[in-house]
């Protein structure tokens, strides 16, 4: 099991939860300025990269049930330092043109995070119809699956059956034999990725994905990049701003990461974030008659009850009505998945109540939703891509089990019920087959246009202090605070948040400094 450092927008999970509960005028051509923008980009690009910056997408109707969407493929160099046409990557892109009325403002690139989440899936399944109508009226809504993700040369590792075995592995080892089984699972996963993905594993960093975004911007004919990135997508957007500050248009970074943190800090602080979210869930649970937690809303008592439940599963997995049992690891993942969106809390109450009565099926379905495993047992490449990007972007949190043991008390202090699992999950990158190319760093993006950073006070996956830190690092950062629950804030029910972001996207004017919404 590896549940650490998955930074994905909550809307995707909310849609899945809704399904479980129920078992939820075309824009014209680019303005003439686009030609001069392309010319300026061509002049600025190194000669070896000009063929990529000068390409024009061959747009066509997307296959399947995606009326109104166009799709295309862009070429990008595998290695920007040494472009070789024979090694080019083929990156999938999609768009839905501005609906009108009103003057078209350009293209709005969206990314839901992950790393490993399909941006095209997010665009076609949600953003192009679910984003506020005034925004969709003025922008072409566009997406690119980042390199290594979904339709863009996906990283592949284990088979579906092997993934089933991997996700249920005991992630709270009690003795040396269990530690060995866990590390062997991490090694097997890494070896499979190396065997099936080859040299691609060295070239799926966030920096390279950000450079691909600039190629896409040029191909669209846009002078500036306009972007809404959620969760990990904020790190992708901030990285773009750091590389190309003069090309920043309107950037919304919702559910922000702090790029100055080490992998160990990220994992430990995310553990605390999920504890904050669980405490909020426990408090809410106490107001419902179907609450399966004791303690009258006290997080310490509810957390002790949850840990006892996990310990019982470690010894005796639950039946689910299917061939798969609910193990401790899968149950932990199921609880974590529901923390991303408070709309899933009623489902979690029901899942925990069912589990107390001997039925682990609903918690298993929550875990499957987190891992993007469908009812046929087929996984997307979310988890392989997630590991590939994370392990390349930062040195591993721990080099060996000894490092985990030394840090364990800090993780358990951050969350008595979840900390042990999070700590051991953070060991996975120790066995990755290629070395990290990134390191913790501050992103300032000097000279960039105003960048809007959004943070949610009880966000589990990207704790609120990270948004404050990123806004402070960026030379033009502006912080918008949402006092609420769940992961990310835009288009999740706060009129205050939506009005501030919509105004920024439509007028370039960010909200006042330190604006707070509820």
Protein backbone atom coordinates (compact mmCIF):
# COMPACT_ATOMS: atom_id res chain seq x y z
CA UNK A 1 0.00 0.00 0.00
CA UNK A 2 1.24 3.51 -0.82
CA UNK A 3 -1.21 6.23 0.14
CA UNK A 4 1.31 8.98 0.74
CA UNK A 5 1.80 12.04 -1.43
CA UNK A 6 -1.33 11.59 -3.54
CA UNK A 7 -2.59 15.11 -4.20
CA UNK A 8 -5.76 14.86 -6.24
CA UNK A 9 -8.77 17.14 -6.55
CA UNK A 10 -11.74 16.17 -4.43
CA UNK A 11 -14.37 16.54 -7.15
CA UNK A 12 -13.34 13.26 -8.74
CA UNK A 13 -13.85 11.39 -5.47
CA UNK A 14 -17.12 13.16 -4.75
CA UNK A 15 -18.51 11.94 -8.05
CA UNK A 16 -17.45 8.39 -7.22
CA UNK A 17 -18.97 8.67 -3.75
CA UNK A 18 -22.24 9.84 -5.23
CA UNK A 19 -22.34 6.74 -7.44
CA UNK A 20 -21.67 4.52 -4.45
CA UNK A 21 -24.39 6.17 -2.39
CA UNK A 22 -26.89 5.53 -5.16
CA UNK A 23 -25.87 1.64 -5.34
CA UNK A 24 -24.30 12.30 -8.67
CA UNK A 25 -22.18 29.70 -29.05
CA UNK A 26 -18.70 28.08 -29.92
CA UNK A 27 -15.68 30.43 -29.66
CA UNK A 28 -14.19 31.78 -32.82
CA UNK A 29 -10.61 31.54 -33.99
CA UNK A 30 -7.82 32.80 -31.79
CA UNK A 31 -7.38 36.56 -31.99
CA UNK A 32 -4.87 37.93 -34.45
CA UNK A 33 -2.43 38.56 -31.60
CA UNK A 34 -1.94 34.78 -31.43
CA UNK A 35 0.20 34.87 -34.55
CA UNK A 36 2.59 37.38 -33.06
CA UNK A 37 2.59 35.37 -29.83
CA UNK A 38 3.67 32.30 -31.76
CA UNK A 39 6.32 34.31 -33.52
CA UNK A 40 7.68 35.59 -30.20
CA UNK A 41 7.72 32.06 -28.78
CA UNK A 42 9.54 30.74 -31.84
CA UNK A 43 12.15 33.48 -31.57
CA UNK A 44 12.67 32.75 -27.86
CA UNK A 45 12.88 28.95 -28.16
CA UNK A 46 16.28 27.32 -28.70
CA UNK A 47 16.75 26.10 -32.24
CA UNK A 48 16.56 22.45 -31.21
CA UNK A 49 13.12 23.04 -29.65
CA UNK A 50 11.59 25.14 -32.41
CA UNK A 51 9.98 22.16 -34.19
CA UNK A 52 8.03 21.47 -31.01
CA UNK A 53 7.01 25.08 -30.46
CA UNK A 54 5.97 25.53 -34.10
CA UNK A 55 3.72 22.47 -34.34
CA UNK A 56 0.01 22.96 -34.94
CA UNK A 57 -2.45 20.51 -33.38
CA UNK A 58 -4.51 18.46 -35.81
CA UNK A 59 -7.80 18.82 -33.95
CA UNK A 60 -10.51 16.23 -34.54
CA UNK A 61 -13.65 15.06 -32.78
CA UNK A 62 -12.79 13.00 -29.73
CA UNK A 63 -13.76 9.33 -29.88
CA UNK A 64 -16.49 7.95 -27.67
CA UNK A 65 -19.27 9.86 -25.90
CA UNK A 66 -17.59 13.25 -25.78
CA UNK A 67 -19.73 15.49 -27.96
CA UNK A 68 -18.31 18.98 -28.41
CA UNK A 69 -14.76 18.01 -27.48
CA UNK A 70 -11.81 18.01 -29.81
CA UNK A 71 -8.68 15.93 -29.37
CA UNK A 72 -5.17 16.03 -30.76
CA UNK A 73 -1.65 14.80 -30.11
CA UNK A 74 1.43 16.93 -29.52
CA UNK A 75 5.06 15.90 -29.79
CA UNK A 76 7.47 16.66 -26.95
CA UNK A 77 11.09 15.63 -26.53
CA UNK A 78 11.74 12.78 -24.14
CA UNK A 79 14.77 14.73 -22.92
CA UNK A 80 14.69 18.52 -23.28
CA UNK A 81 18.47 18.64 -22.84
CA UNK A 82 19.02 16.34 -25.82
CA UNK A 83 15.98 16.33 -28.12
CA UNK A 84 15.95 13.35 -30.49
CA UNK A 85 12.93 13.17 -32.83
CA UNK A 86 13.07 9.38 -32.81
CA UNK A 87 12.44 9.41 -29.05
CA UNK A 88 9.66 12.00 -29.01
CA UNK A 89 6.73 11.51 -26.67
CA UNK A 90 3.17 11.76 -27.92
CA UNK A 91 1.09 13.81 -25.50
CA UNK A 92 -2.70 13.71 -25.60
CA UNK A 93 -4.57 17.04 -25.49
CA UNK A 94 -8.23 18.00 -25.62
CA UNK A 95 -10.35 21.15 -25.74
CA UNK A 96 -13.90 22.43 -25.73
CA UNK A 97 -14.26 25.84 -27.31
CA UNK A 98 -15.63 28.84 -25.47
CA UNK A 99 -19.41 28.85 -25.47
CA UNK A 100 -19.94 32.62 -25.49
CA UNK A 101 -21.37 35.15 -25.09
CA UNK A 102 -18.56 37.62 -24.66
CA UNK A 103 -15.11 38.07 -26.09
CA UNK A 104 -12.91 35.00 -25.94
CA UNK A 105 -10.08 35.46 -23.42
CA UNK A 106 -7.91 32.57 -24.55
CA UNK A 107 -7.43 29.00 -23.37
CA UNK A 108 -7.81 27.84 -19.77
CA UNK A 109 -5.65 24.81 -19.01
CA UNK A 110 -6.85 22.62 -16.14
CA UNK A 111 -5.11 19.93 -14.11
CA UNK A 112 -6.72 17.94 -11.24
CA UNK A 113 -3.50 16.85 -9.55
CA UNK A 114 -2.25 13.45 -8.53
CA UNK A 115 0.39 13.30 -9.74
CA UNK A 116 -1.13 10.76 -12.05
CA UNK A 117 -4.65 12.14 -12.45
CA UNK A 118 -5.90 12.38 -16.04
CA UNK A 119 -6.38 16.04 -16.94
CA UNK A 120 -8.32 15.06 -20.05
CA UNK A 121 -10.62 12.86 -17.99
CA UNK A 122 -11.13 15.76 -15.59
CA UNK A 123 -11.86 18.18 -18.44
CA UNK A 124 -14.30 15.93 -20.26
CA UNK A 125 -15.94 14.49 -17.17
CA UNK A 126 -16.23 17.64 -15.09
CA UNK A 127 -14.49 20.94 -15.78
CA UNK A 128 -15.88 21.67 -19.26
CA UNK A 129 -19.44 21.33 -17.96
CA UNK A 130 -19.07 21.89 -14.20
CA UNK A 131 -16.93 25.03 -14.06
CA UNK A 132 -18.93 28.26 -13.68
CA UNK A 133 -20.71 29.24 -16.90
CA UNK A 134 -19.15 32.74 -17.13
CA UNK A 135 -15.69 31.15 -17.21
CA UNK A 136 -16.64 28.55 -19.81
CA UNK A 137 -18.23 31.30 -21.91
CA UNK A 138 -14.98 33.23 -22.26
CA UNK A 139 -12.32 30.52 -22.37
CA UNK A 140 -11.59 27.50 -24.48
CA UNK A 141 -11.38 24.79 -21.81
CA UNK A 142 -8.26 22.69 -22.51
CA UNK A 143 -6.28 19.87 -20.94
CA UNK A 144 -3.16 17.83 -21.49
CA UNK A 145 -2.48 14.49 -19.88
CA UNK A 146 1.00 15.03 -18.45
CA UNK A 147 3.79 12.79 -19.71
CA UNK A 148 3.56 9.36 -18.13
CA UNK A 149 -0.15 9.77 -17.33
CA UNK A 150 -3.27 8.19 -18.86
CA UNK A 151 -3.24 8.83 -22.63
CA UNK A 152 0.23 10.42 -22.71
CA UNK A 153 2.74 7.57 -22.79
CA UNK A 154 1.51 6.07 -19.48
CA UNK A 155 3.93 4.62 -16.97
CA UNK A 156 3.08 0.95 -16.46
CA UNK A 157 4.19 -1.35 -13.66
CA UNK A 158 2.22 -4.22 -12.15
CA UNK A 159 -0.63 -6.22 -13.67
CA UNK A 160 -4.11 -5.71 -12.24
CA UNK A 161 -3.87 -8.91 -10.20
CA UNK A 162 -0.47 -7.84 -8.90
CA UNK A 163 -1.91 -4.43 -7.97
CA UNK A 164 -4.59 -6.19 -5.92
CA UNK A 165 -1.86 -7.94 -3.98
CA UNK A 166 0.19 -4.77 -3.63
CA UNK A 167 -2.62 -2.59 -2.28
CA UNK A 168 -3.53 -5.06 0.47
CA UNK A 169 0.03 -5.58 1.78
CA UNK A 170 0.40 -4.96 5.50
CA UNK A 171 1.69 -1.39 5.84
CA UNK A 172 2.01 -1.44 9.64
CA UNK A 173 4.64 -4.16 10.08
CA UNK A 174 4.91 -5.62 13.56
CA UNK A 175 8.11 -7.64 13.17
CA UNK A 176 11.11 -8.16 10.88
CA UNK A 177 9.28 -10.67 8.72
CA UNK A 178 6.47 -8.21 8.01
CA UNK A 179 8.99 -5.43 7.32
CA UNK A 180 10.68 -7.71 4.81
CA UNK A 181 7.39 -8.51 3.08
CA UNK A 182 6.60 -4.80 2.80
CA UNK A 183 10.02 -3.83 1.43
CA UNK A 184 9.91 -6.78 -0.97
CA UNK A 185 6.56 -5.46 -2.27
CA UNK A 186 8.06 -2.01 -2.82
CA UNK A 187 11.04 -3.56 -4.62
CA UNK A 188 8.80 -5.70 -6.82
CA UNK A 189 6.71 -2.65 -7.75
CA UNK A 190 9.82 -0.60 -8.63
CA UNK A 191 11.37 -3.45 -10.62
CA UNK A 192 8.18 -3.88 -12.64
CA UNK A 193 8.08 -0.16 -13.41
CA UNK A 194 11.66 -0.28 -14.67
CA UNK A 195 10.99 -3.34 -16.80
CA UNK A 196 7.77 -2.04 -18.37
CA UNK A 197 8.44 1.70 -18.63
CA UNK A 198 12.16 1.82 -19.37
CA UNK A 199 13.84 5.15 -20.05
CA UNK A 200 10.54 7.03 -19.62
CA UNK A 201 11.00 6.77 -15.83
CA UNK A 202 13.90 9.24 -16.02
CA UNK A 203 11.78 11.84 -17.80
CA UNK A 204 8.46 12.28 -15.99
CA UNK A 205 9.52 15.05 -13.62
CA UNK A 206 7.30 18.01 -12.86
CA UNK A 207 9.84 20.32 -14.50
CA UNK A 208 9.53 18.40 -17.78
CA UNK A 209 5.74 18.35 -17.52
CA UNK A 210 5.78 22.14 -17.00
CA UNK A 211 7.93 22.55 -20.11
CA UNK A 212 5.39 20.46 -22.02
CA UNK A 213 2.73 22.92 -20.87
CA UNK A 214 4.66 25.75 -22.49
CA UNK A 215 4.84 23.82 -25.76
CA UNK A 216 1.06 23.36 -25.53
CA UNK A 217 0.57 27.07 -24.84
CA UNK A 218 2.51 27.92 -27.98
CA UNK A 219 0.60 25.34 -30.03
CA UNK A 220 -2.66 26.95 -28.91
CA UNK A 221 -1.39 30.32 -30.11
CA UNK A 222 -1.62 31.92 -26.66
CA UNK A 223 0.81 34.60 -25.55
CA UNK A 224 0.24 33.76 -21.86
CA UNK A 225 -0.70 30.61 -19.97
CA UNK A 226 -4.02 30.74 -18.13
CA UNK A 227 -4.35 27.83 -15.73
CA UNK A 228 -6.35 26.31 -12.89
CA UNK A 229 -4.37 23.66 -11.08
CA UNK A 230 -5.65 21.74 -8.08
CA UNK A 231 -3.66 19.82 -5.49
CA UNK A 232 -0.45 18.53 -7.14
CA UNK A 233 -1.52 20.68 -10.08
CA UNK A 234 -0.52 23.68 -7.94
CA UNK A 235 3.07 22.44 -7.84
CA UNK A 236 2.94 21.93 -11.60
CA UNK A 237 1.60 25.46 -12.09
CA UNK A 238 4.08 27.03 -9.67
CA UNK A 239 6.91 25.18 -11.41
CA UNK A 240 5.73 26.63 -14.72
CA UNK A 241 5.71 30.11 -13.19
CA UNK A 242 9.24 29.62 -11.92
CA UNK A 243 10.45 28.53 -15.36
CA UNK A 244 8.48 31.04 -17.46
CA UNK A 245 7.44 33.98 -15.24
CA UNK A 246 6.99 36.33 -18.21
CA UNK A 247 4.47 33.92 -19.76
CA UNK A 248 2.22 33.71 -16.70
CA UNK A 249 -1.31 34.89 -17.36
CA UNK A 250 -3.99 34.07 -14.80
CA UNK A 251 -2.86 31.22 -12.57
CA UNK A 252 -5.13 29.72 -9.89
CA UNK A 253 -3.34 27.29 -7.57
CA UNK A 254 -6.02 25.61 -5.44
CA UNK A 255 -4.99 23.28 -2.61
CA UNK A 256 -1.36 24.32 -2.73
CA UNK A 257 1.82 22.38 -2.09
CA UNK A 258 4.89 23.96 -0.51
CA UNK A 259 7.86 23.20 -2.81
CA UNK A 260 10.38 24.04 -0.09
CA UNK A 261 9.55 20.93 1.97
CA UNK A 262 11.44 17.63 1.95
CA UNK A 263 9.64 14.36 1.24
CA UNK A 264 9.70 13.46 4.93
CA UNK A 265 8.20 16.82 5.89
CA UNK A 266 5.51 16.49 3.23
CA UNK A 267 4.50 13.03 4.40
CA UNK A 268 4.49 13.94 8.10
CA UNK A 269 2.55 17.17 7.58
CA UNK A 270 0.08 15.42 5.30
CA UNK A 271 -0.43 12.86 8.08
CA UNK A 272 -1.34 15.74 10.40
CA UNK A 273 -3.66 17.11 7.71
CA UNK A 274 -5.61 13.87 7.56
CA UNK A 275 -5.80 13.86 11.35
CA UNK A 276 -7.31 17.36 11.23
CA UNK A 277 -9.85 16.16 8.68
CA UNK A 278 -10.65 13.05 10.74
CA UNK A 279 -11.23 15.22 13.83
CA UNK A 280 -13.68 17.30 11.81
CA UNK A 281 -15.40 14.14 10.58
CA UNK A 282 -15.63 12.79 14.13
CA UNK A 283 -17.17 16.02 15.38
CA UNK A 284 -19.75 15.95 12.60
CA UNK A 285 -20.40 12.25 13.10
CA UNK A 286 -21.51 12.82 16.68
CA UNK A 287 -24.51 14.81 15.40
CA UNK A 288 -25.89 11.83 13.45
CA UNK A 289 -27.78 8.88 14.90
CA UNK A 290 -25.98 6.47 12.58
CA UNK A 291 -22.51 7.48 13.85
CA UNK A 292 -20.41 4.32 14.44
CA UNK A 293 -17.75 6.14 16.49
CA UNK A 294 -17.77 6.55 20.25
CA UNK A 295 -16.61 9.63 22.10
CA UNK A 296 -19.33 12.19 21.50
CA UNK A 297 -17.26 13.93 18.82
CA UNK A 298 -13.95 13.83 20.71
CA UNK A 299 -11.25 13.10 18.14
CA UNK A 300 -8.97 11.33 20.62
CA UNK A 301 -11.62 8.80 21.61
CA UNK A 302 -12.86 8.35 18.04
CA UNK A 303 -9.28 7.95 16.83
CA UNK A 304 -8.56 5.29 19.46
CA UNK A 305 -11.69 3.44 18.35
CA UNK A 306 -10.58 3.64 14.71
CA UNK A 307 -7.09 2.39 15.57
CA UNK A 308 -8.58 -0.54 17.48
CA UNK A 309 -10.67 -1.34 14.41
CA UNK A 310 -7.56 -1.28 12.20
CA UNK A 311 -5.69 -3.50 14.69
CA UNK A 312 -8.51 -6.04 14.60
CA UNK A 313 -8.37 -6.09 10.80
CA UNK A 314 -4.62 -6.64 10.94
CA UNK A 315 -5.36 -9.93 12.71
CA UNK A 316 -8.68 -10.82 11.11
CA UNK A 317 -9.60 -9.30 7.70
CA UNK A 318 -13.30 -8.84 6.99
CA UNK A 319 -15.46 -10.50 4.39
CA UNK A 320 -16.69 -8.20 1.62
CA UNK A 321 -19.13 -10.48 -0.15
CA UNK A 322 -16.55 -10.95 -2.90
CA UNK A 323 -13.33 -12.91 -3.30
CA UNK A 324 -11.30 -10.04 -1.85
CA UNK A 325 -11.13 -9.43 1.88
CA UNK A 326 -10.91 -6.06 3.62
CA UNK A 327 -7.44 -5.87 5.13
CA UNK A 328 -6.10 -3.22 7.48
CA UNK A 329 -4.34 -1.48 4.61
CA UNK A 330 -7.42 -1.39 2.38
CA UNK A 331 -9.60 -0.15 5.25
CA UNK A 332 -7.12 2.62 6.03
CA UNK A 333 -7.17 3.67 2.39
CA UNK A 334 -10.97 3.64 2.41
CA UNK A 335 -11.08 5.99 5.40
CA UNK A 336 -8.45 8.27 3.84
CA UNK A 337 -10.39 8.45 0.59
CA UNK A 338 -13.49 9.83 2.32
CA UNK A 339 -11.48 12.59 3.99
CA UNK A 340 -11.01 14.37 0.65
CA UNK A 341 -14.60 15.57 0.50
CA UNK A 342 -17.08 16.06 3.32
CA UNK A 343 -19.82 14.99 0.89
CA UNK A 344 -18.44 11.46 1.34
CA UNK A 345 -18.77 11.50 5.14
CA UNK A 346 -22.28 9.95 5.19
CA UNK A 347 -20.87 7.14 3.04
CA UNK A 348 -17.98 6.66 5.45
CA UNK A 349 -20.36 6.49 8.41
CA UNK A 350 -22.28 3.77 6.64
CA UNK A 351 -19.10 1.93 5.62
CA UNK A 352 -17.76 1.92 9.18
CA UNK A 353 -21.12 0.85 10.58
CA UNK A 354 -21.30 -2.01 8.06
CA UNK A 355 -17.77 -3.05 8.98
CA UNK A 356 -18.68 -3.20 12.66
CA UNK A 357 -21.41 -5.64 11.62
CA UNK A 358 -18.94 -7.80 9.71
CA UNK A 359 -19.34 -6.43 6.15
CA UNK A 360 -16.27 -4.70 4.72
CA UNK A 361 -17.66 -4.29 1.21
CA UNK A 362 -18.36 -0.56 1.29
CA UNK A 363 -14.97 0.34 2.78
CA UNK A 364 -13.36 -1.76 0.06
CA UNK A 365 -15.27 0.20 -2.59
CA UNK A 366 -14.00 3.45 -1.08
CA UNK A 367 -10.47 2.09 -1.23
CA UNK A 368 -10.98 1.05 -4.86
CA UNK A 369 -12.19 4.55 -5.70
CA UNK A 370 -9.00 5.99 -4.23
CA UNK A 371 -6.82 3.66 -6.29
CA UNK A 372 -9.02 4.09 -9.40
CA UNK A 373 -9.84 0.40 -9.62
CA UNK A 374 -13.09 -0.34 -11.43
CA UNK A 375 -15.62 -3.13 -10.84
CA UNK A 376 -13.86 -5.32 -13.40
CA UNK A 377 -10.66 -5.17 -11.38
CA UNK A 378 -8.90 -2.87 -13.85
CA UNK A 379 -6.70 -0.06 -12.53
CA UNK A 380 -5.84 3.20 -14.25
CA UNK A 381 -2.18 4.19 -14.18
CA UNK A 382 -2.78 6.69 -11.35
CA UNK A 383 -0.59 4.90 -8.81
CA UNK A 384 2.32 4.00 -11.14
CA UNK A 385 2.44 7.58 -12.42
CA UNK A 386 2.13 8.93 -8.90
CA UNK A 387 5.17 6.99 -7.72
CA UNK A 388 7.15 7.77 -10.87
CA UNK A 389 6.69 11.54 -10.55
CA UNK A 390 7.03 11.75 -6.76
CA UNK A 391 10.16 9.59 -6.64
CA UNK A 392 11.79 11.65 -9.40
CA UNK A 393 10.87 15.06 -7.97
CA UNK A 394 12.34 14.59 -4.48
CA UNK A 395 14.87 12.35 -2.75
CA UNK A 396 13.12 9.61 -0.75
CA UNK A 397 11.72 10.43 2.67
CA UNK A 398 13.59 7.44 4.11
CA UNK A 399 16.45 5.34 2.78
CA UNK A 400 15.69 2.20 4.76
CA UNK A 401 13.42 0.79 7.50
CA UNK A 402 15.73 2.16 10.18
CA UNK A 403 14.89 5.67 9.01
CA UNK A 404 11.18 4.93 9.30
CA UNK A 405 11.56 3.61 12.83
CA UNK A 406 13.46 6.73 13.90
CA UNK A 407 10.70 8.97 12.55
CA UNK A 408 7.76 6.81 13.59
CA UNK A 409 6.97 8.64 16.83
CA UNK A 410 6.58 11.94 14.98
CA UNK A 411 4.10 10.39 12.53
CA UNK A 412 2.16 8.71 15.32
CA UNK A 413 2.01 11.98 17.21
CA UNK A 414 0.63 13.64 14.07
CA UNK A 415 -2.07 10.95 13.84
CA UNK A 416 -2.35 8.09 16.33
CA UNK A 417 -4.65 6.10 14.03
CA UNK A 418 -3.03 6.82 10.64
CA UNK A 419 0.56 7.77 11.43
CA UNK A 420 2.15 4.32 11.36
CA UNK A 421 0.69 3.54 7.95
CA UNK A 422 1.74 6.91 6.51
CA UNK A 423 5.29 6.54 7.82
CA UNK A 424 5.86 3.12 6.27
CA UNK A 425 4.20 4.20 3.01
CA UNK A 426 6.80 6.97 2.78
CA UNK A 427 9.51 4.32 2.41
CA UNK A 428 8.43 3.32 -1.08
CA UNK A 429 10.71 5.69 -3.02
CA UNK A 430 13.80 4.22 -1.29
CA UNK A 431 13.73 1.39 -3.82
CA UNK A 432 12.94 3.40 -6.95
CA UNK A 433 15.12 2.33 -9.91
CA UNK A 434 16.19 5.84 -10.97
CA UNK A 435 17.59 8.62 -8.75
CA UNK A 436 15.64 11.76 -7.97
CA UNK A 437 16.47 14.80 -10.08
CA UNK A 438 14.68 17.41 -7.95
CA UNK A 439 15.17 18.79 -4.46
CA UNK A 440 13.23 21.02 -2.07
CA UNK A 441 13.34 24.63 -3.25
CA UNK A 442 11.50 27.91 -3.03
CA UNK A 443 9.65 29.20 -6.10
CA UNK A 444 9.57 32.98 -6.43
CA UNK A 445 8.74 33.56 -10.13
CA UNK A 446 10.01 37.15 -10.18
CA UNK A 447 8.16 39.38 -12.61
CA UNK A 448 5.14 37.10 -12.97
CA UNK A 449 1.64 38.54 -13.12
CA UNK A 450 -0.46 38.12 -9.94
CA UNK A 451 -0.89 34.45 -9.03
CA UNK A 452 -3.87 33.38 -6.91
CA UNK A 453 -3.09 30.73 -4.27
CA UNK A 454 -6.07 29.10 -2.55
CA UNK A 455 -5.93 27.21 0.75
CA UNK A 456 -8.60 25.37 2.76
CA UNK A 457 -8.17 25.48 6.53
CA UNK A 458 -9.01 21.80 7.16
CA UNK A 459 -7.66 20.36 3.94
CA UNK A 460 -6.39 16.81 4.55
CA UNK A 461 -4.07 16.27 1.58
CA UNK A 462 -2.55 19.75 1.22
CA UNK A 463 -2.59 21.34 4.69
CA UNK A 464 -3.45 25.02 4.86
CA UNK A 465 0.04 26.17 5.97
CA UNK A 466 1.34 25.02 2.58
CA UNK A 467 -0.87 27.54 0.79
CA UNK A 468 0.35 30.33 3.06
CA UNK A 469 3.94 29.30 2.40
CA UNK A 470 3.58 29.19 -1.39
CA UNK A 471 1.76 32.53 -1.52
CA UNK A 472 4.57 34.07 0.53
CA UNK A 473 7.30 32.57 -1.69
CA UNK A 474 5.82 33.77 -4.99
CA UNK A 475 6.82 37.35 -5.72
CA UNK A 476 3.28 38.04 -6.97
CA UNK A 477 1.38 35.52 -4.85
CA UNK A 478 -2.01 36.43 -3.43
CA UNK A 479 -3.61 34.15 -0.81
CA UNK A 480 -7.32 33.32 -0.75
CA UNK A 481 -8.41 31.36 2.35
CA UNK A 482 -11.43 29.07 2.57
CA UNK A 483 -12.44 28.26 6.14
CA UNK A 484 -13.87 24.83 5.54
CA UNK A 485 -13.43 21.07 5.12
CA UNK A 486 -12.31 18.90 2.26
CA UNK A 487 -9.61 19.10 -0.36
CA UNK A 488 -9.48 22.28 -2.52
CA UNK A 489 -12.07 25.06 -2.58
CA UNK A 490 -13.04 26.19 -6.09
CA UNK A 491 -16.53 25.25 -7.26
CA UNK A 492 -17.24 23.29 -4.07
CA UNK A 493 -20.09 25.34 -2.64
CA UNK A 494 -18.58 28.61 -1.37
CA UNK A 495 -20.05 31.54 -3.30
CA UNK A 496 -17.33 33.74 -1.80
CA UNK A 497 -14.51 31.55 -3.14
CA UNK A 498 -16.11 31.12 -6.55
CA UNK A 499 -16.80 34.84 -6.96
CA UNK A 500 -13.21 35.73 -6.10
CA UNK A 501 -11.71 33.19 -8.50
CA UNK A 502 -14.18 33.92 -11.30
CA UNK A 503 -13.47 37.64 -11.03
CA UNK A 504 -9.74 37.01 -11.21
CA UNK A 505 -10.08 34.76 -14.26
CA UNK A 506 -12.35 37.19 -16.08
CA UNK A 507 -10.80 40.55 -15.12
CA UNK A 508 -7.21 39.71 -14.01
CA UNK A 509 -7.94 41.40 -10.67
CA UNK A 510 -7.08 39.18 -7.67
CA UNK A 511 -9.03 39.44 -4.43
CA UNK A 512 -7.75 41.72 -1.67
CA UNK A 513 -4.77 40.47 0.30
CA UNK A 514 -5.63 37.84 2.94
CA UNK A 515 -9.24 37.48 1.75
CA UNK A 516 -11.05 34.85 3.83
CA UNK A 517 -14.18 32.98 2.78
CA UNK A 518 -16.45 30.44 4.43
